[in-house]
Protein backbone atom coordinates (compact mmCIF):
# COMPACT_ATOMS: atom_id res chain seq x y z
CA MET A 1 164.76 84.54 147.58
CA LYS A 2 166.57 81.51 146.15
CA ILE A 3 166.43 77.93 147.46
CA THR A 4 168.55 75.05 146.16
CA VAL A 5 167.36 71.55 147.06
CA GLN A 6 169.21 68.26 146.83
CA LYS A 7 166.97 65.22 146.68
CA ASP A 8 168.90 63.30 149.37
CA ALA A 9 169.03 66.17 151.85
CA GLN A 10 167.74 65.48 155.36
CA VAL A 11 166.32 68.46 157.25
CA PRO A 12 164.56 68.24 160.65
CA PHE A 13 160.82 68.87 160.35
CA TYR A 14 158.08 67.44 162.54
CA ASN A 15 154.61 67.89 161.07
CA ASN A 16 151.76 66.88 163.39
CA VAL A 17 149.24 69.32 161.96
CA ASP A 18 146.30 66.88 162.12
CA PHE A 19 146.65 65.55 165.68
CA CYS A 20 144.02 67.80 167.29
CA VAL A 21 141.70 70.73 166.61
CA GLY A 22 139.67 72.87 168.98
CA THR A 23 135.95 73.39 169.25
CA GLY A 24 133.43 75.58 170.98
CA ARG A 25 131.81 74.04 174.04
CA LEU A 26 130.92 70.40 173.56
CA GLY A 27 127.19 71.05 173.93
CA LEU A 28 127.24 72.80 170.53
CA ALA A 29 127.87 69.39 168.94
CA LEU A 30 124.13 68.77 169.39
CA THR A 31 123.40 71.31 166.63
CA LYS A 32 123.10 70.73 162.87
CA GLU A 33 125.40 73.51 161.61
CA TYR A 34 128.18 72.43 164.00
CA LEU A 35 128.16 68.88 162.68
CA GLU A 36 128.01 70.08 159.06
CA GLU A 37 131.10 72.24 159.60
CA LEU A 38 132.95 69.43 161.38
CA ARG A 39 132.07 66.96 158.60
CA PHE A 40 133.40 69.42 156.01
CA VAL A 41 136.66 69.84 157.94
CA GLN A 42 137.08 66.11 158.39
CA GLU A 43 136.48 65.41 154.70
CA HIS A 44 139.15 67.90 153.61
CA ILE A 45 141.70 67.73 156.45
CA GLY A 46 140.87 64.91 158.84
CA PHE A 47 141.97 65.65 162.40
CA SER A 48 142.55 62.80 164.84
CA HIS A 49 141.33 64.48 168.05
CA ILE A 50 139.06 67.32 169.13
CA ARG A 51 139.26 69.39 172.33
CA GLY A 52 136.78 71.85 173.76
CA HIS A 53 135.41 73.30 176.98
CA GLY A 54 132.28 72.33 178.83
CA LEU A 55 132.56 68.54 179.09
CA LEU A 56 131.31 68.71 182.67
CA SER A 57 129.21 71.88 182.38
CA ASP A 58 125.49 71.83 183.02
CA ASP A 59 124.39 71.97 179.38
CA VAL A 60 125.89 68.50 178.82
CA GLY A 61 124.10 67.49 182.02
CA ILE A 62 126.26 64.71 183.45
CA TYR A 63 126.34 65.56 187.19
CA HIS A 64 123.24 65.88 189.37
CA GLU A 65 122.60 66.02 193.10
CA TYR A 66 119.21 65.27 194.68
CA GLU A 67 117.72 64.84 198.14
CA GLU A 68 116.32 61.52 199.32
CA ASN A 69 115.29 60.78 202.90
CA GLY A 70 117.22 63.81 204.10
CA GLU A 71 120.40 62.68 202.37
CA THR A 72 122.16 64.33 199.41
CA LYS A 73 122.80 61.80 196.70
CA VAL A 74 124.55 61.95 193.31
CA GLU A 75 123.56 60.56 189.92
CA TYR A 76 125.10 60.77 186.45
CA ASN A 77 123.38 61.25 183.10
CA TYR A 78 125.33 60.44 179.94
CA THR A 79 122.53 60.95 177.40
CA TYR A 80 123.97 64.06 175.73
CA LEU A 81 127.58 62.99 176.20
CA ASP A 82 126.97 59.74 174.31
CA ARG A 83 125.22 61.60 171.50
CA ILE A 84 128.15 64.02 171.18
CA PHE A 85 130.91 61.42 171.30
CA ASP A 86 129.05 59.04 168.97
CA ALA A 87 128.87 61.87 166.43
CA TYR A 88 132.59 62.54 166.81
CA LEU A 89 133.53 58.93 166.25
CA ASP A 90 131.20 58.71 163.24
CA LEU A 91 133.25 61.56 161.74
CA GLY A 92 136.55 59.85 162.48
CA ILE A 93 137.66 62.12 165.32
CA ARG A 94 138.37 61.23 168.96
CA PRO A 95 138.01 63.39 172.08
CA PHE A 96 140.92 65.11 173.78
CA LEU A 97 139.28 65.26 177.20
CA GLU A 98 139.49 68.64 178.93
CA LEU A 99 138.12 68.15 182.45
CA GLY A 100 135.97 71.22 183.10
CA PHE A 101 134.10 73.29 183.87
CA MET A 102 132.51 72.70 187.28
CA PRO A 103 128.94 71.34 187.41
CA GLY A 104 126.68 73.81 189.21
CA ASP A 105 125.68 71.29 191.87
CA LEU A 106 129.32 70.54 192.66
CA ALA A 107 130.69 74.10 192.50
CA SER A 108 132.00 75.90 195.57
CA GLY A 109 131.05 79.31 194.19
CA THR A 110 129.02 81.17 191.60
CA GLN A 111 131.76 82.64 189.36
CA THR A 112 131.10 81.86 185.70
CA ILE A 113 132.66 82.71 182.36
CA PHE A 114 131.25 83.26 178.89
CA TYR A 115 127.81 83.80 177.48
CA TRP A 116 126.95 80.20 178.40
CA LYS A 117 128.10 80.60 182.02
CA GLY A 118 130.67 77.89 182.59
CA ASN A 119 131.37 77.68 186.32
CA THR A 120 135.04 78.28 187.10
CA THR A 121 135.25 77.62 190.83
CA PRO A 122 136.83 74.63 192.60
CA PRO A 123 134.66 71.70 193.69
CA LYS A 124 132.97 71.99 197.07
CA ASP A 125 133.85 68.34 197.66
CA TYR A 126 136.99 66.87 196.09
CA GLY A 127 135.80 63.34 196.74
CA LYS A 128 132.67 63.93 194.69
CA TRP A 129 134.81 65.55 191.98
CA THR A 130 137.15 62.58 191.64
CA ASP A 131 134.16 60.21 191.79
CA LEU A 132 132.65 62.14 188.87
CA VAL A 133 135.85 61.93 186.83
CA THR A 134 136.43 58.22 187.43
CA ALA A 135 132.77 57.37 186.81
CA LEU A 136 132.97 59.25 183.51
CA LEU A 137 136.07 57.32 182.43
CA ARG A 138 134.49 53.99 183.41
CA HIS A 139 131.45 54.86 181.31
CA LEU A 140 133.63 55.76 178.31
CA LEU A 141 135.53 52.49 178.61
CA GLU A 142 132.30 50.51 178.75
CA ARG A 143 130.87 52.29 175.70
CA TYR A 144 133.94 52.73 173.48
CA GLY A 145 136.42 50.14 174.68
CA GLN A 146 140.16 50.31 175.17
CA GLU A 147 140.72 53.04 172.59
CA VAL A 148 139.71 55.43 175.39
CA TYR A 149 143.17 54.93 176.90
CA ASP A 150 144.51 56.78 173.86
CA TRP A 151 142.25 59.81 174.44
CA PRO A 152 144.53 62.41 176.11
CA ILE A 153 143.22 64.00 179.32
CA GLU A 154 143.88 67.57 180.43
CA VAL A 155 142.95 68.86 183.88
CA TRP A 156 141.04 72.16 183.52
CA ASN A 157 141.71 75.14 181.23
CA GLU A 158 143.86 78.23 181.78
CA PRO A 159 143.92 78.22 185.61
CA ASN A 160 146.48 81.04 185.53
CA LEU A 161 143.70 83.42 184.40
CA PRO A 162 141.24 84.48 187.15
CA GLY A 163 138.25 84.27 184.83
CA PHE A 164 138.92 80.59 184.17
CA TRP A 165 139.89 79.59 187.73
CA TYR A 166 138.72 81.48 190.78
CA GLN A 167 141.37 84.08 191.71
CA ALA A 168 143.89 82.18 189.53
CA ASP A 169 144.74 80.34 192.75
CA MET A 170 147.85 78.32 191.92
CA GLU A 171 147.84 76.19 195.08
CA GLU A 172 144.17 75.31 194.64
CA TYR A 173 144.78 74.30 191.04
CA PHE A 174 147.68 72.11 192.07
CA ARG A 175 145.37 70.41 194.54
CA LEU A 176 142.81 69.86 191.77
CA PHE A 177 145.47 68.43 189.49
CA GLY A 178 147.03 66.22 192.12
CA GLU A 179 143.78 64.68 193.35
CA THR A 180 142.48 64.23 189.80
CA PHE A 181 145.72 62.69 188.56
CA ARG A 182 145.93 60.20 191.42
CA ALA A 183 142.28 59.18 191.08
CA ILE A 184 142.62 58.55 187.35
CA LYS A 185 145.87 56.61 187.71
CA ALA A 186 144.35 54.54 190.53
CA LEU A 187 141.53 53.63 188.14
CA ASP A 188 144.00 52.63 185.42
CA GLY A 189 147.57 53.75 184.83
CA ARG A 190 147.09 53.60 181.07
CA PHE A 191 145.17 56.87 181.00
CA GLN A 192 147.33 59.79 179.81
CA VAL A 193 146.91 62.83 182.08
CA GLY A 194 148.46 66.28 181.60
CA GLY A 195 148.29 69.92 182.64
CA PRO A 196 148.41 72.78 183.60
CA ALA A 197 146.82 74.15 180.36
CA ILE A 198 148.07 77.69 180.99
CA CYS A 199 147.86 80.67 178.67
CA GLY A 200 150.16 83.68 178.56
CA VAL A 201 150.13 85.30 181.97
CA ARG A 202 153.10 84.32 184.20
CA ASP A 203 153.58 81.26 182.02
CA GLU A 204 157.17 80.51 183.00
CA GLU A 205 156.37 80.83 186.70
CA TRP A 206 153.38 78.52 186.35
CA ILE A 207 155.25 75.85 184.37
CA ARG A 208 158.16 75.80 186.80
CA SER A 209 155.92 75.80 189.87
CA PHE A 210 153.75 73.04 188.38
CA LEU A 211 156.77 70.80 187.84
CA GLU A 212 158.11 71.57 191.34
CA PHE A 213 154.73 70.55 192.74
CA CYS A 214 154.76 67.33 190.73
CA ARG A 215 158.30 66.52 191.89
CA LYS A 216 157.39 67.18 195.51
CA GLU A 217 154.25 65.01 195.27
CA GLY A 218 155.93 62.19 193.36
CA ILE A 219 153.72 62.77 190.33
CA ARG A 220 154.90 62.27 186.76
CA PRO A 221 152.41 63.89 184.37
CA ASP A 222 152.18 62.27 180.97
CA SER A 223 152.46 65.66 179.27
CA VAL A 224 152.70 69.37 179.89
CA THR A 225 149.99 71.44 178.22
CA ARG A 226 149.91 75.13 177.40
CA HIS A 227 148.39 77.59 174.91
CA HIS A 228 149.92 79.82 172.25
CA TYR A 229 148.51 83.08 170.84
CA THR A 230 150.48 85.59 168.81
CA VAL A 231 148.92 89.06 168.98
CA GLU A 232 149.22 92.20 171.07
CA PHE A 233 146.33 93.53 173.16
CA PRO A 234 143.40 94.47 170.92
CA GLU A 235 141.64 97.70 170.13
CA HIS A 236 137.89 97.24 170.57
CA ALA A 237 135.31 98.67 168.16
CA GLY A 238 131.68 97.60 168.39
CA HIS A 239 131.50 93.84 168.05
CA TYR A 240 135.12 93.50 166.88
CA ASP A 241 138.73 93.30 168.08
CA TYR A 242 141.64 94.64 166.02
CA HIS A 243 145.11 93.25 166.77
CA ARG A 244 148.68 93.64 165.65
CA LEU A 245 150.63 90.42 165.16
CA GLU A 246 153.64 89.80 167.37
CA ASP A 247 157.03 88.87 165.98
CA SER A 248 156.92 85.23 164.92
CA ASP A 249 160.43 84.42 166.15
CA MET A 250 159.66 85.92 169.56
CA ARG A 251 156.58 83.72 169.92
CA ILE A 252 158.56 80.61 168.98
CA ALA A 253 161.20 81.60 171.58
CA ASN A 254 158.46 81.74 174.20
CA LEU A 255 157.52 78.16 173.36
CA GLN A 256 161.16 77.13 173.56
CA SER A 257 161.33 78.57 177.08
CA THR A 258 158.72 76.03 178.17
CA ARG A 259 160.75 73.22 176.60
CA ASP A 260 163.87 74.48 178.38
CA ILE A 261 162.15 74.67 181.78
CA ILE A 262 160.83 71.13 181.48
CA ASP A 263 164.21 69.79 180.42
CA SER A 264 165.89 71.52 183.36
CA PHE A 265 164.16 68.95 185.61
CA PRO A 266 166.06 65.67 185.11
CA GLU A 267 163.04 63.56 186.01
CA PHE A 268 160.84 65.39 183.44
CA ARG A 269 163.36 65.87 180.62
CA GLY A 270 161.75 65.08 177.27
CA LEU A 271 158.20 65.14 178.61
CA PRO A 272 155.83 65.80 175.67
CA ILE A 273 154.30 69.26 175.31
CA HIS A 274 150.81 69.54 173.87
CA ILE A 275 149.71 73.01 172.78
CA THR A 276 146.01 72.46 173.33
CA GLU A 277 145.05 75.85 171.88
CA PHE A 278 146.82 78.07 169.39
CA SER A 279 145.90 80.81 166.95
CA THR A 280 146.75 84.42 166.22
CA SER A 281 144.06 86.36 168.11
CA TYR A 282 142.73 84.97 171.40
CA THR A 283 139.23 86.43 171.01
CA PRO A 284 136.27 85.05 169.00
CA LYS A 285 135.84 88.45 167.37
CA GLY A 286 139.44 88.91 166.26
CA VAL A 287 139.00 90.11 162.70
CA ILE A 288 142.42 88.82 161.63
CA HIS A 289 141.07 85.24 161.73
CA ASP A 290 139.13 85.75 158.49
CA THR A 291 142.06 87.14 156.49
CA ASN A 292 144.71 85.85 154.10
CA LEU A 293 147.34 87.36 156.39
CA ASN A 294 146.22 84.93 159.09
CA ALA A 295 146.76 82.03 156.67
CA ALA A 296 150.25 83.17 155.67
CA TYR A 297 151.43 83.96 159.20
CA LEU A 298 150.24 80.59 160.51
CA ALA A 299 151.95 78.78 157.65
CA GLY A 300 155.20 80.00 159.17
CA GLN A 301 154.13 78.93 162.66
CA LEU A 302 153.17 75.44 161.48
CA SER A 303 156.60 74.99 159.94
CA ARG A 304 158.17 75.41 163.41
CA LEU A 305 155.73 74.32 166.10
CA GLY A 306 157.01 70.77 165.95
CA GLU A 307 160.49 71.88 167.00
CA MET A 308 159.58 71.64 170.67
CA ASN A 309 155.97 70.39 170.84
CA GLU A 310 154.42 66.97 170.40
CA SER A 311 151.17 68.47 169.12
CA TYR A 312 149.46 71.81 168.51
CA SER A 313 145.70 72.18 168.33
CA TYR A 314 144.25 75.06 166.30
CA TRP A 315 141.48 76.94 168.07
CA THR A 316 138.94 76.16 166.42
CA PHE A 317 137.62 74.08 163.50
CA GLY A 318 134.45 76.13 162.94
CA ASP A 319 132.56 79.31 163.75
CA VAL A 320 129.69 77.70 165.67
CA PHE A 321 130.96 79.30 168.85
CA GLU A 322 129.29 81.33 171.60
CA GLU A 323 131.80 82.42 174.24
CA GLN A 324 130.88 86.09 173.80
CA GLY A 325 127.41 85.55 172.42
CA ILE A 326 125.89 84.54 169.11
CA PRO A 327 127.82 86.00 166.14
CA PHE A 328 126.10 88.78 164.18
CA THR A 329 127.61 88.08 160.75
CA PRO A 330 129.28 85.21 158.87
CA PHE A 331 132.64 87.06 158.87
CA HIS A 332 132.91 88.32 162.45
CA GLY A 333 136.47 87.33 163.29
CA GLY A 334 135.49 83.94 164.65
CA PHE A 335 138.15 81.40 165.58
CA GLY A 336 137.04 78.82 163.03
CA LEU A 337 138.75 77.45 159.95
CA VAL A 338 135.32 77.64 158.30
CA ALA A 339 132.67 80.35 158.45
CA ALA A 340 128.92 79.80 158.65
CA GLY A 341 127.61 77.96 155.61
CA CYS A 342 130.78 75.82 155.43
CA ILE A 343 132.74 78.62 153.75
CA PRO A 344 136.43 77.77 154.13
CA LYS A 345 138.57 80.69 155.25
CA PRO A 346 142.08 81.10 153.82
CA THR A 347 143.60 79.54 156.96
CA PHE A 348 141.61 76.37 156.29
CA TRP A 349 143.79 75.79 153.23
CA THR A 350 147.01 76.34 155.19
CA PHE A 351 146.00 73.36 157.32
CA ALA A 352 144.82 71.35 154.33
CA PHE A 353 148.18 71.99 152.63
CA TYR A 354 150.18 70.85 155.66
CA LYS A 355 148.03 67.72 155.89
CA GLU A 356 148.68 67.01 152.20
CA LEU A 357 152.39 67.57 152.79
CA LYS A 358 152.31 65.06 155.64
CA LYS A 359 150.62 62.42 153.48
CA LYS A 360 153.10 62.83 150.64
CA SER A 361 156.32 63.25 152.60
CA LEU A 362 159.23 60.82 152.46
CA GLY A 363 161.39 63.27 154.42
CA CYS A 364 162.05 66.98 154.55
CA VAL A 365 164.70 68.36 152.20
CA SER A 366 164.40 72.10 152.92
CA ARG A 367 162.95 74.27 155.67
CA GLU A 368 163.45 78.00 155.26
CA GLN A 369 161.94 81.23 156.55
CA ASN A 370 159.23 81.15 153.85
CA ALA A 371 159.22 77.54 152.68
CA VAL A 372 159.12 73.91 153.65
CA ILE A 373 159.80 71.27 150.98
CA VAL A 374 159.62 67.48 151.26
CA ARG A 375 160.66 64.59 149.05
CA THR A 376 157.80 62.51 147.62
CA LYS A 377 157.61 59.20 145.78
CA ASP A 378 157.95 60.90 142.40
CA GLY A 379 159.56 64.24 143.21
CA TYR A 380 158.77 67.04 145.64
CA ALA A 381 155.95 68.83 147.44
CA GLY A 382 156.15 72.07 149.34
CA ILE A 383 154.46 75.03 150.94
CA LEU A 384 155.58 78.62 150.30
CA TRP A 385 154.19 81.61 152.17
CA ASN A 386 154.51 85.36 152.41
CA ALA A 387 153.17 87.22 155.45
CA SER A 388 154.76 90.51 154.37
CA GLU A 389 153.16 93.50 152.67
CA GLU A 390 155.18 93.09 149.45
CA ASP A 391 155.20 90.34 146.83
CA LEU A 392 157.95 87.74 147.31
CA PRO A 393 159.70 86.36 144.17
CA MET A 394 161.15 82.91 144.79
CA GLU A 395 163.60 80.87 142.72
CA LEU A 396 163.74 77.13 143.38
CA SER A 397 166.35 74.73 142.03
CA LEU A 398 165.27 71.14 142.71
CA GLU A 399 167.52 68.20 141.90
CA MET A 400 165.66 65.64 139.77
CA GLU A 401 166.51 62.55 137.73
CA ALA A 402 163.40 62.76 135.55
CA GLN A 403 163.86 64.61 132.25
CA GLU A 404 160.41 66.12 132.48
CA ALA A 405 158.20 67.04 135.42
CA VAL A 406 154.79 68.54 135.99
CA LEU A 407 154.42 71.47 138.35
CA VAL A 408 151.01 71.86 140.02
CA THR A 409 150.36 74.87 142.25
CA LYS A 410 147.43 75.69 144.50
CA THR A 411 147.38 79.36 145.42
CA VAL A 412 145.56 81.08 148.27
CA ASP A 413 145.96 84.83 148.43
CA GLU A 414 143.98 88.05 148.44
CA THR A 415 143.54 87.96 144.67
CA CYS A 416 142.28 84.45 144.02
CA CYS A 417 140.93 82.99 147.29
CA ASN A 418 139.40 85.71 149.41
CA PRO A 419 135.78 85.16 150.48
CA LEU A 420 136.07 88.04 152.96
CA LYS A 421 136.59 90.55 150.14
CA LEU A 422 133.66 89.15 148.16
CA TRP A 423 131.40 89.38 151.22
CA HIS A 424 132.51 92.98 151.69
CA ASP A 425 131.95 93.83 148.01
CA LEU A 426 128.48 92.29 148.10
CA GLY A 427 127.49 94.59 150.95
CA GLU A 428 128.52 92.78 154.16
CA HIS A 429 125.11 91.19 154.61
CA ALA A 430 124.66 89.81 158.11
CA ASN A 431 122.38 87.03 156.89
CA PRO A 432 123.26 86.24 153.28
CA ALA A 433 120.75 84.35 151.16
CA ARG A 434 121.52 80.79 150.13
CA GLU A 435 122.60 81.90 146.67
CA GLU A 436 125.03 84.41 148.16
CA THR A 437 126.44 81.82 150.56
CA ALA A 438 126.98 79.46 147.62
CA LEU A 439 128.83 82.21 145.76
CA LEU A 440 131.04 82.86 148.78
CA ARG A 441 131.91 79.16 148.90
CA GLU A 442 132.91 79.31 145.22
CA ALA A 443 135.27 82.22 145.98
CA ALA A 444 136.88 80.33 148.86
CA HIS A 445 138.91 77.71 146.99
CA PRO A 446 142.54 77.77 145.83
CA PHE A 447 143.47 78.72 142.28
CA VAL A 448 145.04 75.68 140.58
CA GLU A 449 147.62 75.95 137.79
CA SER A 450 149.95 73.49 136.06
CA ALA A 451 153.01 73.58 133.82
CA VAL A 452 155.42 71.06 132.30
CA GLN A 453 159.02 71.64 133.37
CA LYS A 454 162.12 70.37 131.55
CA THR A 455 165.04 69.53 133.81
CA VAL A 456 168.45 71.00 132.95
CA SER A 457 171.69 69.47 134.25
CA GLY A 458 169.72 67.27 136.64
CA ALA A 459 167.59 70.00 138.18
CA ALA A 460 164.26 71.72 137.64
CA GLN A 461 164.29 75.50 137.88
CA LEU A 462 161.11 77.15 139.17
CA SER A 463 160.29 80.84 139.31
CA LEU A 464 157.30 81.61 141.51
CA CYS A 465 155.92 84.78 143.00
CA ILE A 466 154.05 84.60 146.28
CA ARG A 467 151.85 87.65 146.44
CA ARG A 468 151.49 89.47 149.75
CA HIS A 469 149.64 87.42 152.39
CA GLY A 470 149.80 84.42 150.07
CA VAL A 471 150.27 80.70 150.54
CA ILE A 472 151.17 78.29 147.70
CA PHE A 473 151.16 74.52 147.84
CA PHE A 474 153.10 72.88 145.01
CA THR A 475 154.03 69.47 143.72
CA LEU A 476 156.78 68.82 141.21
CA GLU A 477 156.80 65.21 140.08
CA GLY A 478 158.30 63.26 137.21
CA ARG A 479 156.06 63.05 134.16
CA THR A 480 155.68 60.46 131.42
CA CYS A 481 153.04 61.35 128.85
CA LYS A 482 151.19 58.39 127.28
CA PRO A 483 148.58 59.78 124.85
CA ASP A 484 145.79 57.63 123.47
CA ARG A 485 145.97 56.54 119.82
CA GLY A 486 145.31 59.52 117.57
CA TYR A 487 145.26 62.11 120.38
CA ASP A 488 147.46 65.20 119.83
CA TYR A 489 147.05 67.86 122.50
CA GLU A 490 148.77 70.61 120.46
CA ARG A 491 146.60 69.83 117.46
CA VAL A 492 143.50 70.02 119.68
CA LEU A 493 144.46 73.53 120.75
CA SER A 494 145.26 74.68 117.20
CA PHE A 495 142.09 73.26 115.62
CA HIS A 496 139.94 76.03 114.09
């Protein structure tokens, strides 16, 4: 593969990789390991928002009903909520508020989902539901001030799936959305409210019907939200799920269909789309999550998700996660970018590379099937990836004025950054000792190389090979060497 880059080229590329990241239920933020993993992610990547389930579930403990003088009364308790959100803000990340699941005292039924039993039935009293939501937002404004208006709000999660919303009742969800939206906007129109947070099943029908409902009711949502997963149905074996990846172009086309439906409504044309969950596998035991293939495949997705979406939130930042129970091993196919013990998985570096690209970019100059390259202050930076089974040689010709440049590469592939393989070779211990965990962390970092490149006829010529399932981040920037008095690098190397 050969790519020729001109320094003044202008190529469309929207990189919002750090806007939001997912999390297990919010109650897990009360645990030590969770906060350690989130701190590690924030130090190396730095997401702006975090979204997870369970804001209103009983383990956070906000909503309570009690009897007094024969009358049912309601009270709110924000003790745990404040502790969770204070911790988030201390780590430089803001909530993306998913309103759900239903508090037990307010639920109309007993249907629950997950190991931790989030109630997924409508409220028994919509007035009490909207009172709960508006009281919560008032409390957040009082505690955190006007920045809360910039915390996006999403009404529920995946109501098109019967496990997440009783009988996947579309009309009942539209009622929930409508009453919630109006109550929030009546409190203050500056709050940003979106939905319907659907995933997969009948997605086009749900998006179209949601917008028809909004048009009929005179509602203008601030965004449309949906999810994005890219695997076929799994084969189950013991604690694990084995998937085949779907065609990347087909999955991007599915996202474009949502953009096209929205834009077919004149009153909603251009409405932002937030992908509030995306990954490859949609299960927390999808073994692909721990692999280098996952990192390479998602590098391609991240190069294109901004074509039609305002943001896209990876599900999730870490492996402290209990939807299907407590994980048995550190590499169990969990959703997280990091495994237990703050071991970064290969996909962690894909996100770190895109964040670095965003910080350096002065504009995109090339976006290809296996590459995205941006102009920087002193040259170029780019990400190259290979999700195929064969090595991919790549020739780059980059226009440069500098006579000499330094090439720095950071490589993540199965050879040089593969903690999963090391864990396997060590014996797949379910509970590795501290020394073993430290060794796994050592094996989980990119391989860094450098080389000085001479430009010829105003261009630098690079020959790189991206091994199978590999991702490479590179910078190529003009170099001026200014050695200290008496220092001769070549002499240092030849001294015997």
